[in-house]
Amino acid sequence: MEQKLPDGYRKNAIGHLVPVASIKPIDMARDSLVNEIVAKARAISGQIGDFKVTAFADIAAFVQLSAEQYQAKIGGTKGNVTLLSFDGRYKVQRAIAEHITFDERLQAAKALIDECITDWAQGSRPELQVLVNDAFQVDQTGKVNTARVLGLRRLEINDERWHRAMRAIGEAVQVIGSKSYIRVYERDDATGEYRAIPLDVAASGVA
């Protein structure tokens, strides 16, 4: 609970009580402006939250309605969906982004790949070695780039150890969560390209 302050006092940033009479007018004006903007931001944030909940529910209901045209029943709200207005001017997307990591089997894959690289050292292309090293390079938090590691599976290499390594990578994948997005686009009549309608302050921009 917020502490009730004595009349004629304000609390400063480090928690000290300061007499209002001793606070400079410019500091009071700044405080008033910040609190006004925060109040508006909270109201808008609530509206965006309500919009997302409603949009997800509406899209899920429409997907089910569409499936019913074929006597199909779809459970859950997962899966990417793109909906277009009849004239093609507007596009709404529901996107599900999964967050993945790798378990200990990634180390086995790396060991097998290292064996391959060592044996191929005389005849292998330097680009392949760079590609593999980049894929397993960790960032500042000690995590590998999942896209680069999974990208190795697209390489066509005819070596039994490589195949085992790629299988180990596939089995090492662990989904640790997902995040859902609603994206709304409007088509630019001049270019024909779709441009996102910003739903956050940072992306809106003010000219």
N, C-alpha and C. Protein backbone atom coordinates (compact mmCIF):
# COMPACT_ATOMS: atom_id res chain seq x y z
N MET A 1 0.84 -1.20 0.00
CA MET A 1 0.00 0.00 0.00
C MET A 1 0.87 1.25 0.00
N GLU A 2 0.40 2.26 -0.72
CA GLU A 2 1.16 3.50 -0.79
C GLU A 2 1.02 4.27 0.52
N GLN A 3 2.16 4.72 1.04
CA GLN A 3 2.18 5.44 2.32
C GLN A 3 1.53 6.81 2.18
N LYS A 4 0.67 7.16 3.15
CA LYS A 4 0.03 8.47 3.14
C LYS A 4 1.04 9.49 3.65
N LEU A 5 1.24 10.55 2.87
CA LEU A 5 2.23 11.57 3.21
C LEU A 5 1.58 12.67 4.06
N PRO A 6 2.38 13.28 4.94
CA PRO A 6 1.86 14.41 5.72
C PRO A 6 1.49 15.57 4.79
N ASP A 7 0.51 16.34 5.17
CA ASP A 7 0.12 17.49 4.37
C ASP A 7 1.29 18.43 4.18
N GLY A 8 1.44 18.93 2.96
CA GLY A 8 2.50 19.90 2.67
C GLY A 8 3.85 19.26 2.38
N TYR A 9 3.90 17.95 2.20
CA TYR A 9 5.17 17.27 1.93
C TYR A 9 5.05 16.38 0.68
N ARG A 10 6.17 16.20 0.01
CA ARG A 10 6.28 15.25 -1.10
C ARG A 10 7.49 14.36 -0.84
N LYS A 11 7.44 13.16 -1.32
CA LYS A 11 8.57 12.25 -1.17
C LYS A 11 9.46 12.35 -2.40
N ASN A 12 10.78 12.47 -2.19
CA ASN A 12 11.69 12.56 -3.33
C ASN A 12 12.12 11.17 -3.79
N ALA A 13 13.05 11.12 -4.76
CA ALA A 13 13.41 9.86 -5.40
C ALA A 13 14.11 8.88 -4.46
N ILE A 14 14.69 9.37 -3.36
CA ILE A 14 15.36 8.46 -2.43
C ILE A 14 14.54 8.25 -1.17
N GLY A 15 13.27 8.69 -1.20
CA GLY A 15 12.37 8.40 -0.10
C GLY A 15 12.31 9.42 1.00
N HIS A 16 12.99 10.55 0.85
CA HIS A 16 12.97 11.59 1.88
C HIS A 16 11.74 12.48 1.72
N LEU A 17 11.20 12.92 2.83
CA LEU A 17 10.08 13.86 2.80
C LEU A 17 10.62 15.27 2.60
N VAL A 18 10.03 15.98 1.63
CA VAL A 18 10.49 17.33 1.29
C VAL A 18 9.29 18.27 1.36
N PRO A 19 9.43 19.41 2.08
CA PRO A 19 8.32 20.38 2.11
C PRO A 19 8.01 20.89 0.71
N VAL A 20 6.73 20.91 0.35
CA VAL A 20 6.33 21.39 -0.97
C VAL A 20 6.82 22.81 -1.20
N ALA A 21 6.82 23.62 -0.15
CA ALA A 21 7.23 25.01 -0.28
C ALA A 21 8.68 25.16 -0.72
N SER A 22 9.49 24.13 -0.46
CA SER A 22 10.92 24.23 -0.82
C SER A 22 11.22 23.61 -2.18
N ILE A 23 10.21 23.05 -2.85
CA ILE A 23 10.43 22.44 -4.17
C ILE A 23 10.32 23.51 -5.24
N LYS A 24 11.28 23.54 -6.15
CA LYS A 24 11.29 24.55 -7.20
C LYS A 24 10.08 24.37 -8.13
N PRO A 25 9.52 25.48 -8.63
CA PRO A 25 8.37 25.39 -9.54
C PRO A 25 8.62 24.51 -10.76
N ILE A 26 9.85 24.57 -11.30
CA ILE A 26 10.14 23.77 -12.49
C ILE A 26 10.12 22.28 -12.16
N ASP A 27 10.54 21.92 -10.92
CA ASP A 27 10.50 20.52 -10.51
C ASP A 27 9.06 20.05 -10.32
N MET A 28 8.22 20.93 -9.80
CA MET A 28 6.80 20.58 -9.64
C MET A 28 6.12 20.43 -11.01
N ALA A 29 6.50 21.32 -11.95
CA ALA A 29 5.93 21.26 -13.30
C ALA A 29 6.35 19.97 -14.00
N ARG A 30 7.63 19.59 -13.81
CA ARG A 30 8.12 18.36 -14.43
C ARG A 30 7.40 17.14 -13.85
N ASP A 31 7.22 17.15 -12.53
CA ASP A 31 6.53 16.05 -11.86
C ASP A 31 5.09 15.93 -12.37
N SER A 32 4.44 17.07 -12.54
CA SER A 32 3.07 17.07 -13.02
C SER A 32 2.98 16.51 -14.44
N LEU A 33 3.92 16.91 -15.30
CA LEU A 33 3.93 16.43 -16.68
C LEU A 33 4.16 14.92 -16.74
N VAL A 34 5.15 14.44 -15.98
CA VAL A 34 5.46 13.01 -16.00
C VAL A 34 4.27 12.19 -15.54
N ASN A 35 3.63 12.61 -14.45
CA ASN A 35 2.49 11.87 -13.94
C ASN A 35 1.31 11.89 -14.90
N GLU A 36 1.15 13.02 -15.61
CA GLU A 36 0.08 13.12 -16.60
C GLU A 36 0.31 12.14 -17.75
N ILE A 37 1.56 12.08 -18.24
CA ILE A 37 1.90 11.18 -19.34
C ILE A 37 1.75 9.73 -18.90
N VAL A 38 2.21 9.42 -17.67
CA VAL A 38 2.11 8.05 -17.17
C VAL A 38 0.65 7.62 -17.07
N ALA A 39 -0.22 8.50 -16.59
CA ALA A 39 -1.65 8.17 -16.48
C ALA A 39 -2.24 7.85 -17.85
N LYS A 40 -1.88 8.66 -18.86
CA LYS A 40 -2.37 8.41 -20.22
C LYS A 40 -1.81 7.09 -20.77
N ALA A 41 -0.51 6.84 -20.48
CA ALA A 41 0.13 5.62 -20.97
C ALA A 41 -0.53 4.39 -20.37
N ARG A 42 -0.86 4.45 -19.08
CA ARG A 42 -1.52 3.31 -18.44
C ARG A 42 -2.89 3.05 -19.06
N ALA A 43 -3.59 4.12 -19.37
CA ALA A 43 -4.91 3.96 -19.99
C ALA A 43 -4.78 3.32 -21.37
N ILE A 44 -3.82 3.80 -22.16
CA ILE A 44 -3.61 3.25 -23.50
C ILE A 44 -3.14 1.80 -23.41
N SER A 45 -2.25 1.51 -22.43
CA SER A 45 -1.76 0.15 -22.26
C SER A 45 -2.90 -0.81 -21.96
N GLY A 46 -3.83 -0.35 -21.13
CA GLY A 46 -5.00 -1.17 -20.83
C GLY A 46 -5.85 -1.43 -22.05
N GLN A 47 -6.00 -0.39 -22.89
CA GLN A 47 -6.79 -0.54 -24.11
C GLN A 47 -6.12 -1.53 -25.08
N ILE A 48 -4.78 -1.43 -25.20
CA ILE A 48 -4.06 -2.35 -26.08
C ILE A 48 -4.18 -3.77 -25.57
N GLY A 49 -4.08 -3.93 -24.24
CA GLY A 49 -4.24 -5.26 -23.66
C GLY A 49 -5.61 -5.84 -23.95
N ASP A 50 -6.64 -5.02 -23.80
CA ASP A 50 -8.01 -5.48 -24.11
C ASP A 50 -8.15 -5.81 -25.59
N PHE A 51 -7.53 -4.98 -26.45
CA PHE A 51 -7.58 -5.22 -27.89
C PHE A 51 -6.96 -6.57 -28.25
N LYS A 52 -5.79 -6.88 -27.66
CA LYS A 52 -5.11 -8.13 -27.97
C LYS A 52 -5.94 -9.33 -27.56
N VAL A 53 -6.51 -9.26 -26.35
CA VAL A 53 -7.34 -10.37 -25.87
C VAL A 53 -8.52 -10.59 -26.82
N THR A 54 -9.18 -9.50 -27.18
CA THR A 54 -10.35 -9.59 -28.06
C THR A 54 -9.95 -10.08 -29.45
N ALA A 55 -8.83 -9.55 -29.99
CA ALA A 55 -8.39 -9.93 -31.33
C ALA A 55 -8.04 -11.40 -31.40
N PHE A 56 -7.31 -11.92 -30.40
CA PHE A 56 -6.97 -13.34 -30.39
C PHE A 56 -8.23 -14.20 -30.34
N ALA A 57 -9.17 -13.81 -29.50
CA ALA A 57 -10.41 -14.57 -29.38
C ALA A 57 -11.21 -14.53 -30.68
N ASP A 58 -11.28 -13.36 -31.31
CA ASP A 58 -12.03 -13.22 -32.56
C ASP A 58 -11.41 -14.03 -33.68
N ILE A 59 -10.07 -14.01 -33.76
CA ILE A 59 -9.39 -14.77 -34.82
C ILE A 59 -9.61 -16.27 -34.60
N ALA A 60 -9.48 -16.71 -33.35
CA ALA A 60 -9.68 -18.14 -33.06
C ALA A 60 -11.10 -18.56 -33.42
N ALA A 61 -12.07 -17.70 -33.10
CA ALA A 61 -13.46 -18.02 -33.42
C ALA A 61 -13.68 -18.07 -34.93
N PHE A 62 -13.03 -17.16 -35.66
CA PHE A 62 -13.20 -17.15 -37.12
C PHE A 62 -12.55 -18.37 -37.75
N VAL A 63 -11.35 -18.76 -37.25
CA VAL A 63 -10.68 -19.95 -37.78
C VAL A 63 -11.58 -21.17 -37.60
N GLN A 64 -12.23 -21.27 -36.43
CA GLN A 64 -13.13 -22.39 -36.19
C GLN A 64 -14.35 -22.33 -37.11
N LEU A 65 -14.89 -21.12 -37.30
CA LEU A 65 -16.03 -20.94 -38.20
C LEU A 65 -15.69 -21.37 -39.61
N SER A 66 -14.49 -21.00 -40.07
CA SER A 66 -14.06 -21.37 -41.42
C SER A 66 -13.89 -22.88 -41.53
N ALA A 67 -13.33 -23.50 -40.47
CA ALA A 67 -13.11 -24.95 -40.51
C ALA A 67 -14.42 -25.70 -40.55
N GLU A 68 -15.43 -25.13 -39.93
CA GLU A 68 -16.73 -25.80 -39.88
C GLU A 68 -17.37 -25.91 -41.26
N GLN A 69 -16.92 -25.08 -42.21
CA GLN A 69 -17.42 -25.19 -43.57
C GLN A 69 -17.06 -26.54 -44.18
N TYR A 70 -16.03 -27.19 -43.60
CA TYR A 70 -15.58 -28.49 -44.09
C TYR A 70 -15.81 -29.58 -43.05
N GLN A 71 -16.70 -29.28 -42.08
CA GLN A 71 -16.99 -30.22 -40.99
C GLN A 71 -15.72 -30.63 -40.24
N ALA A 72 -14.82 -29.68 -40.10
CA ALA A 72 -13.57 -29.93 -39.35
C ALA A 72 -13.62 -29.16 -38.05
N LYS A 73 -13.05 -29.76 -37.02
CA LYS A 73 -13.00 -29.09 -35.73
C LYS A 73 -11.54 -28.86 -35.37
N ILE A 74 -11.22 -27.60 -35.06
CA ILE A 74 -9.86 -27.24 -34.73
C ILE A 74 -9.79 -26.88 -33.25
N GLY A 75 -8.90 -27.53 -32.53
CA GLY A 75 -8.77 -27.24 -31.10
C GLY A 75 -7.63 -26.28 -30.84
N GLY A 76 -7.78 -25.47 -29.79
CA GLY A 76 -6.70 -24.58 -29.40
C GLY A 76 -6.61 -23.33 -30.25
N THR A 77 -5.64 -22.50 -29.93
CA THR A 77 -5.46 -21.23 -30.64
C THR A 77 -4.06 -21.11 -31.22
N LYS A 78 -3.36 -22.23 -31.39
CA LYS A 78 -2.00 -22.17 -31.90
C LYS A 78 -1.99 -22.14 -33.42
N GLY A 79 -0.85 -21.73 -33.96
CA GLY A 79 -0.70 -21.71 -35.41
C GLY A 79 -0.76 -20.31 -35.97
N ASN A 80 0.09 -20.06 -36.97
CA ASN A 80 0.10 -18.76 -37.62
C ASN A 80 -1.08 -18.65 -38.59
N VAL A 81 -1.72 -17.51 -38.58
CA VAL A 81 -2.88 -17.28 -39.43
C VAL A 81 -2.77 -15.89 -40.05
N THR A 82 -3.09 -15.79 -41.34
CA THR A 82 -3.15 -14.51 -42.03
C THR A 82 -4.54 -14.32 -42.60
N LEU A 83 -5.16 -13.19 -42.27
CA LEU A 83 -6.49 -12.86 -42.77
C LEU A 83 -6.42 -11.58 -43.58
N LEU A 84 -7.09 -11.58 -44.74
CA LEU A 84 -7.10 -10.40 -45.61
C LEU A 84 -8.51 -9.85 -45.73
N SER A 85 -8.61 -8.53 -45.80
CA SER A 85 -9.90 -7.93 -46.09
C SER A 85 -10.27 -8.26 -47.54
N PHE A 86 -11.55 -8.13 -47.88
CA PHE A 86 -12.01 -8.53 -49.21
C PHE A 86 -11.29 -7.80 -50.32
N ASP A 87 -10.98 -6.50 -50.10
CA ASP A 87 -10.30 -5.72 -51.13
C ASP A 87 -8.78 -5.85 -51.06
N GLY A 88 -8.29 -6.62 -50.09
CA GLY A 88 -6.85 -6.83 -49.97
C GLY A 88 -6.09 -5.67 -49.38
N ARG A 89 -6.80 -4.64 -48.93
CA ARG A 89 -6.10 -3.47 -48.42
C ARG A 89 -5.52 -3.71 -47.03
N TYR A 90 -6.22 -4.52 -46.25
CA TYR A 90 -5.78 -4.76 -44.87
C TYR A 90 -5.42 -6.22 -44.67
N LYS A 91 -4.45 -6.43 -43.80
CA LYS A 91 -4.00 -7.79 -43.48
C LYS A 91 -3.79 -7.90 -41.97
N VAL A 92 -4.32 -8.97 -41.40
CA VAL A 92 -4.15 -9.22 -39.97
C VAL A 92 -3.46 -10.57 -39.81
N GLN A 93 -2.42 -10.60 -39.00
CA GLN A 93 -1.68 -11.84 -38.78
C GLN A 93 -1.67 -12.20 -37.31
N ARG A 94 -1.91 -13.48 -37.05
CA ARG A 94 -1.66 -14.03 -35.72
C ARG A 94 -0.41 -14.89 -35.84
N ALA A 95 0.62 -14.52 -35.09
CA ALA A 95 1.89 -15.23 -35.19
C ALA A 95 2.26 -15.81 -33.82
N ILE A 96 2.73 -17.04 -33.83
CA ILE A 96 3.17 -17.71 -32.61
C ILE A 96 4.67 -17.96 -32.75
N ALA A 97 5.46 -17.32 -31.90
CA ALA A 97 6.91 -17.49 -31.94
C ALA A 97 7.34 -18.37 -30.78
N GLU A 98 7.94 -19.52 -31.09
CA GLU A 98 8.39 -20.42 -30.05
C GLU A 98 9.83 -20.10 -29.66
N HIS A 99 10.10 -20.18 -28.36
CA HIS A 99 11.45 -19.98 -27.85
C HIS A 99 12.05 -21.36 -27.59
N ILE A 100 13.17 -21.62 -28.24
CA ILE A 100 13.77 -22.94 -28.11
C ILE A 100 15.19 -22.85 -27.57
N THR A 101 15.62 -23.95 -26.97
CA THR A 101 16.99 -24.09 -26.51
C THR A 101 17.43 -25.51 -26.82
N PHE A 102 18.66 -25.85 -26.49
CA PHE A 102 19.19 -27.19 -26.74
C PHE A 102 19.60 -27.84 -25.43
N ASP A 103 19.38 -29.15 -25.32
CA ASP A 103 19.83 -29.85 -24.12
C ASP A 103 21.24 -30.39 -24.34
N GLU A 104 21.68 -31.31 -23.46
CA GLU A 104 23.07 -31.79 -23.47
C GLU A 104 23.44 -32.51 -24.76
N ARG A 105 22.46 -32.96 -25.54
CA ARG A 105 22.76 -33.69 -26.77
C ARG A 105 23.44 -32.81 -27.82
N LEU A 106 23.34 -31.48 -27.64
CA LEU A 106 24.04 -30.58 -28.56
C LEU A 106 25.56 -30.79 -28.46
N GLN A 107 26.04 -31.12 -27.25
CA GLN A 107 27.47 -31.35 -27.09
C GLN A 107 27.92 -32.59 -27.86
N ALA A 108 27.06 -33.60 -27.89
CA ALA A 108 27.38 -34.80 -28.67
C ALA A 108 27.44 -34.46 -30.15
N ALA A 109 26.51 -33.64 -30.60
CA ALA A 109 26.51 -33.23 -32.00
C ALA A 109 27.79 -32.47 -32.33
N LYS A 110 28.20 -31.59 -31.45
CA LYS A 110 29.42 -30.80 -31.69
C LYS A 110 30.64 -31.72 -31.75
N ALA A 111 30.70 -32.73 -30.89
CA ALA A 111 31.83 -33.65 -30.90
C ALA A 111 31.90 -34.42 -32.22
N LEU A 112 30.76 -34.87 -32.72
CA LEU A 112 30.73 -35.59 -33.99
C LEU A 112 31.13 -34.69 -35.14
N ILE A 113 30.65 -33.44 -35.11
CA ILE A 113 31.00 -32.49 -36.17
C ILE A 113 32.49 -32.18 -36.14
N ASP A 114 33.05 -32.06 -34.95
CA ASP A 114 34.49 -31.80 -34.82
C ASP A 114 35.30 -32.95 -35.42
N GLU A 115 34.80 -34.19 -35.21
CA GLU A 115 35.48 -35.35 -35.81
C GLU A 115 35.48 -35.23 -37.33
N CYS A 116 34.34 -34.85 -37.87
CA CYS A 116 34.23 -34.70 -39.33
C CYS A 116 35.17 -33.64 -39.84
N ILE A 117 35.16 -32.47 -39.19
CA ILE A 117 36.01 -31.36 -39.63
C ILE A 117 37.48 -31.74 -39.59
N THR A 118 37.86 -32.46 -38.52
CA THR A 118 39.26 -32.88 -38.38
C THR A 118 39.66 -33.81 -39.52
N ASP A 119 38.80 -34.79 -39.81
CA ASP A 119 39.11 -35.74 -40.87
C ASP A 119 39.09 -35.10 -42.26
N TRP A 120 38.24 -34.09 -42.40
CA TRP A 120 38.12 -33.44 -43.71
C TRP A 120 39.09 -32.28 -43.87
N ALA A 121 39.91 -32.02 -42.88
CA ALA A 121 40.73 -30.80 -42.84
C ALA A 121 41.52 -30.57 -44.12
N GLN A 122 42.04 -31.65 -44.69
CA GLN A 122 42.86 -31.49 -45.88
C GLN A 122 42.03 -31.12 -47.10
N GLY A 123 40.81 -31.67 -47.18
CA GLY A 123 40.05 -31.44 -48.39
C GLY A 123 38.80 -30.59 -48.22
N SER A 124 38.48 -30.23 -46.97
CA SER A 124 37.24 -29.48 -46.76
C SER A 124 37.42 -28.01 -47.07
N ARG A 125 36.35 -27.37 -47.44
CA ARG A 125 36.39 -25.96 -47.75
C ARG A 125 36.47 -25.14 -46.48
N PRO A 126 37.29 -24.09 -46.46
CA PRO A 126 37.40 -23.24 -45.26
C PRO A 126 36.06 -22.64 -44.86
N GLU A 127 35.18 -22.38 -45.86
CA GLU A 127 33.88 -21.79 -45.56
C GLU A 127 33.05 -22.69 -44.64
N LEU A 128 33.18 -24.02 -44.83
CA LEU A 128 32.42 -24.94 -44.00
C LEU A 128 32.89 -24.88 -42.55
N GLN A 129 34.20 -24.80 -42.36
CA GLN A 129 34.74 -24.72 -41.00
C GLN A 129 34.28 -23.43 -40.32
N VAL A 130 34.29 -22.32 -41.06
CA VAL A 130 33.83 -21.05 -40.50
C VAL A 130 32.36 -21.13 -40.13
N LEU A 131 31.56 -21.76 -41.02
CA LEU A 131 30.12 -21.88 -40.80
C LEU A 131 29.84 -22.67 -39.52
N VAL A 132 30.56 -23.77 -39.33
CA VAL A 132 30.36 -24.60 -38.14
C VAL A 132 30.80 -23.86 -36.89
N ASN A 133 31.94 -23.21 -36.94
CA ASN A 133 32.44 -22.48 -35.77
C ASN A 133 31.50 -21.35 -35.38
N ASP A 134 30.98 -20.64 -36.38
CA ASP A 134 30.03 -19.56 -36.10
C ASP A 134 28.75 -20.10 -35.46
N ALA A 135 28.31 -21.26 -35.93
CA ALA A 135 27.05 -21.83 -35.43
C ALA A 135 27.14 -22.16 -33.94
N PHE A 136 28.31 -22.61 -33.49
CA PHE A 136 28.44 -23.03 -32.10
C PHE A 136 29.06 -21.95 -31.21
N GLN A 137 29.25 -20.77 -31.77
CA GLN A 137 29.79 -19.67 -30.96
C GLN A 137 28.72 -19.16 -30.01
N VAL A 138 29.08 -18.98 -28.74
CA VAL A 138 28.09 -18.54 -27.75
C VAL A 138 28.12 -17.03 -27.63
N ASP A 139 26.97 -16.47 -27.19
CA ASP A 139 26.89 -15.03 -26.98
C ASP A 139 27.31 -14.70 -25.55
N GLN A 140 27.07 -13.47 -25.12
CA GLN A 140 27.51 -13.03 -23.79
C GLN A 140 26.80 -13.77 -22.67
N THR A 141 25.64 -14.33 -22.95
CA THR A 141 24.91 -15.08 -21.92
C THR A 141 25.23 -16.57 -21.97
N GLY A 142 26.16 -16.95 -22.85
CA GLY A 142 26.55 -18.35 -22.94
C GLY A 142 25.64 -19.21 -23.78
N LYS A 143 24.78 -18.60 -24.60
CA LYS A 143 23.84 -19.33 -25.42
C LYS A 143 24.27 -19.31 -26.88
N VAL A 144 23.99 -20.41 -27.57
CA VAL A 144 24.30 -20.46 -29.00
C VAL A 144 23.13 -19.87 -29.78
N ASN A 145 23.41 -19.49 -31.01
CA ASN A 145 22.38 -18.96 -31.89
C ASN A 145 21.61 -20.14 -32.47
N THR A 146 20.36 -20.29 -32.04
CA THR A 146 19.58 -21.46 -32.46
C THR A 146 19.39 -21.53 -33.97
N ALA A 147 19.20 -20.38 -34.60
CA ALA A 147 18.98 -20.38 -36.05
C ALA A 147 20.20 -20.90 -36.79
N ARG A 148 21.40 -20.50 -36.33
CA ARG A 148 22.62 -20.96 -37.00
C ARG A 148 22.84 -22.46 -36.81
N VAL A 149 22.58 -22.94 -35.59
CA VAL A 149 22.76 -24.37 -35.33
C VAL A 149 21.78 -25.18 -36.18
N LEU A 150 20.52 -24.79 -36.18
CA LEU A 150 19.52 -25.52 -36.97
C LEU A 150 19.80 -25.40 -38.47
N GLY A 151 20.45 -24.29 -38.87
CA GLY A 151 20.79 -24.10 -40.26
C GLY A 151 21.77 -25.14 -40.78
N LEU A 152 22.57 -25.75 -39.89
CA LEU A 152 23.52 -26.79 -40.30
C LEU A 152 22.79 -28.00 -40.88
N ARG A 153 21.54 -28.21 -40.46
CA ARG A 153 20.80 -29.38 -40.92
C ARG A 153 20.42 -29.28 -42.40
N ARG A 154 20.53 -28.08 -42.94
CA ARG A 154 20.21 -27.91 -44.36
C ARG A 154 21.37 -28.29 -45.28
N LEU A 155 22.54 -28.49 -44.70
CA LEU A 155 23.71 -28.84 -45.51
C LEU A 155 23.64 -30.31 -45.93
N GLU A 156 23.89 -30.54 -47.19
CA GLU A 156 23.88 -31.91 -47.72
C GLU A 156 25.29 -32.46 -47.66
N ILE A 157 25.57 -33.25 -46.63
CA ILE A 157 26.90 -33.84 -46.45
C ILE A 157 26.75 -35.34 -46.26
N ASN A 158 27.40 -36.10 -47.11
CA ASN A 158 27.25 -37.55 -47.09
C ASN A 158 28.32 -38.18 -46.20
N ASP A 159 28.05 -38.13 -44.89
CA ASP A 159 28.94 -38.75 -43.92
C ASP A 159 28.07 -39.24 -42.77
N GLU A 160 28.23 -40.51 -42.40
CA GLU A 160 27.37 -41.11 -41.38
C GLU A 160 27.46 -40.36 -40.05
N ARG A 161 28.66 -39.88 -39.71
CA ARG A 161 28.82 -39.14 -38.46
C ARG A 161 28.07 -37.80 -38.52
N TRP A 162 28.11 -37.17 -39.67
CA TRP A 162 27.38 -35.91 -39.84
C TRP A 162 25.86 -36.14 -39.68
N HIS A 163 25.38 -37.23 -40.26
CA HIS A 163 23.97 -37.56 -40.15
C HIS A 163 23.58 -37.79 -38.69
N ARG A 164 24.46 -38.48 -37.94
CA ARG A 164 24.18 -38.70 -36.51
C ARG A 164 24.19 -37.37 -35.76
N ALA A 165 25.10 -36.49 -36.13
CA ALA A 165 25.19 -35.18 -35.48
C ALA A 165 23.92 -34.37 -35.74
N MET A 166 23.42 -34.42 -36.97
CA MET A 166 22.22 -33.66 -37.30
C MET A 166 21.00 -34.24 -36.57
N ARG A 167 21.00 -35.58 -36.39
CA ARG A 167 19.91 -36.19 -35.64
C ARG A 167 19.97 -35.78 -34.17
N ALA A 168 21.18 -35.69 -33.64
CA ALA A 168 21.36 -35.26 -32.25
C ALA A 168 20.89 -33.82 -32.06
N ILE A 169 21.17 -32.98 -33.05
CA ILE A 169 20.72 -31.58 -32.97
C ILE A 169 19.19 -31.53 -32.94
N GLY A 170 18.57 -32.30 -33.84
CA GLY A 170 17.11 -32.31 -33.88
C GLY A 170 16.49 -32.79 -32.58
N GLU A 171 17.10 -33.80 -31.97
CA GLU A 171 16.55 -34.34 -30.73
C GLU A 171 16.90 -33.50 -29.52
N ALA A 172 17.89 -32.61 -29.67
CA ALA A 172 18.31 -31.75 -28.56
C ALA A 172 17.41 -30.53 -28.40
N VAL A 173 16.59 -30.27 -29.41
CA VAL A 173 15.73 -29.08 -29.38
C VAL A 173 14.69 -29.20 -28.27
N GLN A 174 14.61 -28.18 -27.43
CA GLN A 174 13.62 -28.13 -26.35
C GLN A 174 12.85 -26.82 -26.46
N VAL A 175 11.53 -26.90 -26.56
CA VAL A 175 10.69 -25.70 -26.59
C VAL A 175 10.45 -25.25 -25.14
N ILE A 176 10.89 -24.04 -24.81
CA ILE A 176 10.79 -23.57 -23.43
C ILE A 176 9.71 -22.50 -23.25
N GLY A 177 9.00 -22.21 -24.31
CA GLY A 177 7.92 -21.22 -24.20
C GLY A 177 7.58 -20.66 -25.57
N SER A 178 6.53 -19.90 -25.60
CA SER A 178 6.12 -19.27 -26.85
C SER A 178 5.48 -17.93 -26.56
N LYS A 179 5.47 -17.07 -27.56
CA LYS A 179 4.86 -15.76 -27.43
C LYS A 179 3.99 -15.51 -28.64
N SER A 180 2.81 -14.96 -28.38
CA SER A 180 1.85 -14.72 -29.46
C SER A 180 1.82 -13.25 -29.84
N TYR A 181 1.65 -12.99 -31.12
CA TYR A 181 1.64 -11.63 -31.62
C TYR A 181 0.42 -11.41 -32.51
N ILE A 182 -0.09 -10.20 -32.46
CA ILE A 182 -1.08 -9.75 -33.44
C ILE A 182 -0.43 -8.62 -34.23
N ARG A 183 -0.40 -8.78 -35.55
CA ARG A 183 0.17 -7.74 -36.41
C ARG A 183 -0.89 -7.31 -37.42
N VAL A 184 -1.03 -5.99 -37.59
CA VAL A 184 -2.03 -5.44 -38.48
C VAL A 184 -1.32 -4.61 -39.56
N TYR A 185 -1.69 -4.82 -40.81
CA TYR A 185 -1.02 -4.14 -41.92
C TYR A 185 -2.02 -3.43 -42.82
N GLU A 186 -1.53 -2.37 -43.47
CA GLU A 186 -2.32 -1.68 -44.49
C GLU A 186 -1.48 -1.59 -45.76
N ARG A 187 -2.10 -1.84 -46.90
CA ARG A 187 -1.36 -1.84 -48.16
C ARG A 187 -1.15 -0.42 -48.66
N ASP A 188 0.07 -0.13 -49.08
CA ASP A 188 0.40 1.16 -49.67
C ASP A 188 -0.03 1.11 -51.13
N ASP A 189 -0.97 1.97 -51.51
CA ASP A 189 -1.49 1.94 -52.87
C ASP A 189 -0.42 2.26 -53.91
N ALA A 190 0.57 3.05 -53.51
CA ALA A 190 1.61 3.44 -54.46
C ALA A 190 2.58 2.30 -54.77
N THR A 191 2.97 1.55 -53.73
CA THR A 191 3.97 0.50 -53.91
C THR A 191 3.39 -0.91 -53.90
N GLY A 192 2.18 -1.05 -53.36
CA GLY A 192 1.58 -2.38 -53.25
C GLY A 192 2.10 -3.17 -52.07
N GLU A 193 3.01 -2.58 -51.29
CA GLU A 193 3.57 -3.28 -50.13
C GLU A 193 2.71 -3.04 -48.90
N TYR A 194 2.74 -4.02 -48.00
CA TYR A 194 2.00 -3.88 -46.74
C TYR A 194 2.89 -3.22 -45.69
N ARG A 195 2.33 -2.25 -45.00
CA ARG A 195 3.05 -1.56 -43.93
C ARG A 195 2.32 -1.78 -42.62
N ALA A 196 3.09 -2.09 -41.60
CA ALA A 196 2.50 -2.39 -40.29
C ALA A 196 1.86 -1.14 -39.68
N ILE A 197 0.70 -1.33 -39.09
CA ILE A 197 0.07 -0.28 -38.29
C ILE A 197 0.62 -0.43 -36.88
N PRO A 198 1.43 0.53 -36.40
CA PRO A 198 2.12 0.35 -35.11
C PRO A 198 1.13 0.21 -33.96
N LEU A 199 1.43 -0.74 -33.08
CA LEU A 199 0.64 -0.95 -31.88
C LEU A 199 1.45 -0.67 -30.63
N ASP A 200 2.61 -0.05 -30.79
CA ASP A 200 3.40 0.35 -29.64
C ASP A 200 3.95 1.74 -29.87
N VAL A 201 4.21 2.46 -28.79
CA VAL A 201 4.65 3.86 -28.87
C VAL A 201 5.99 3.99 -29.56
N ALA A 202 6.92 3.07 -29.24
CA ALA A 202 8.27 3.18 -29.79
C ALA A 202 8.28 3.07 -31.31
N ALA A 203 7.37 2.27 -31.86
CA ALA A 203 7.35 2.06 -33.31
C ALA A 203 6.52 3.07 -34.06
N SER A 204 5.73 3.87 -33.34
CA SER A 204 4.81 4.79 -34.02
C SER A 204 5.54 5.92 -34.71
N GLY A 205 6.43 6.57 -33.99
CA GLY A 205 7.17 7.67 -34.59
C GLY A 205 6.32 8.93 -34.67
N VAL A 206 6.94 10.07 -34.47
CA VAL A 206 6.26 11.35 -34.57
C VAL A 206 7.06 12.24 -35.50
N ALA A 207 6.44 12.73 -36.55
CA ALA A 207 7.16 13.54 -37.54
C ALA A 207 7.35 14.95 -36.99
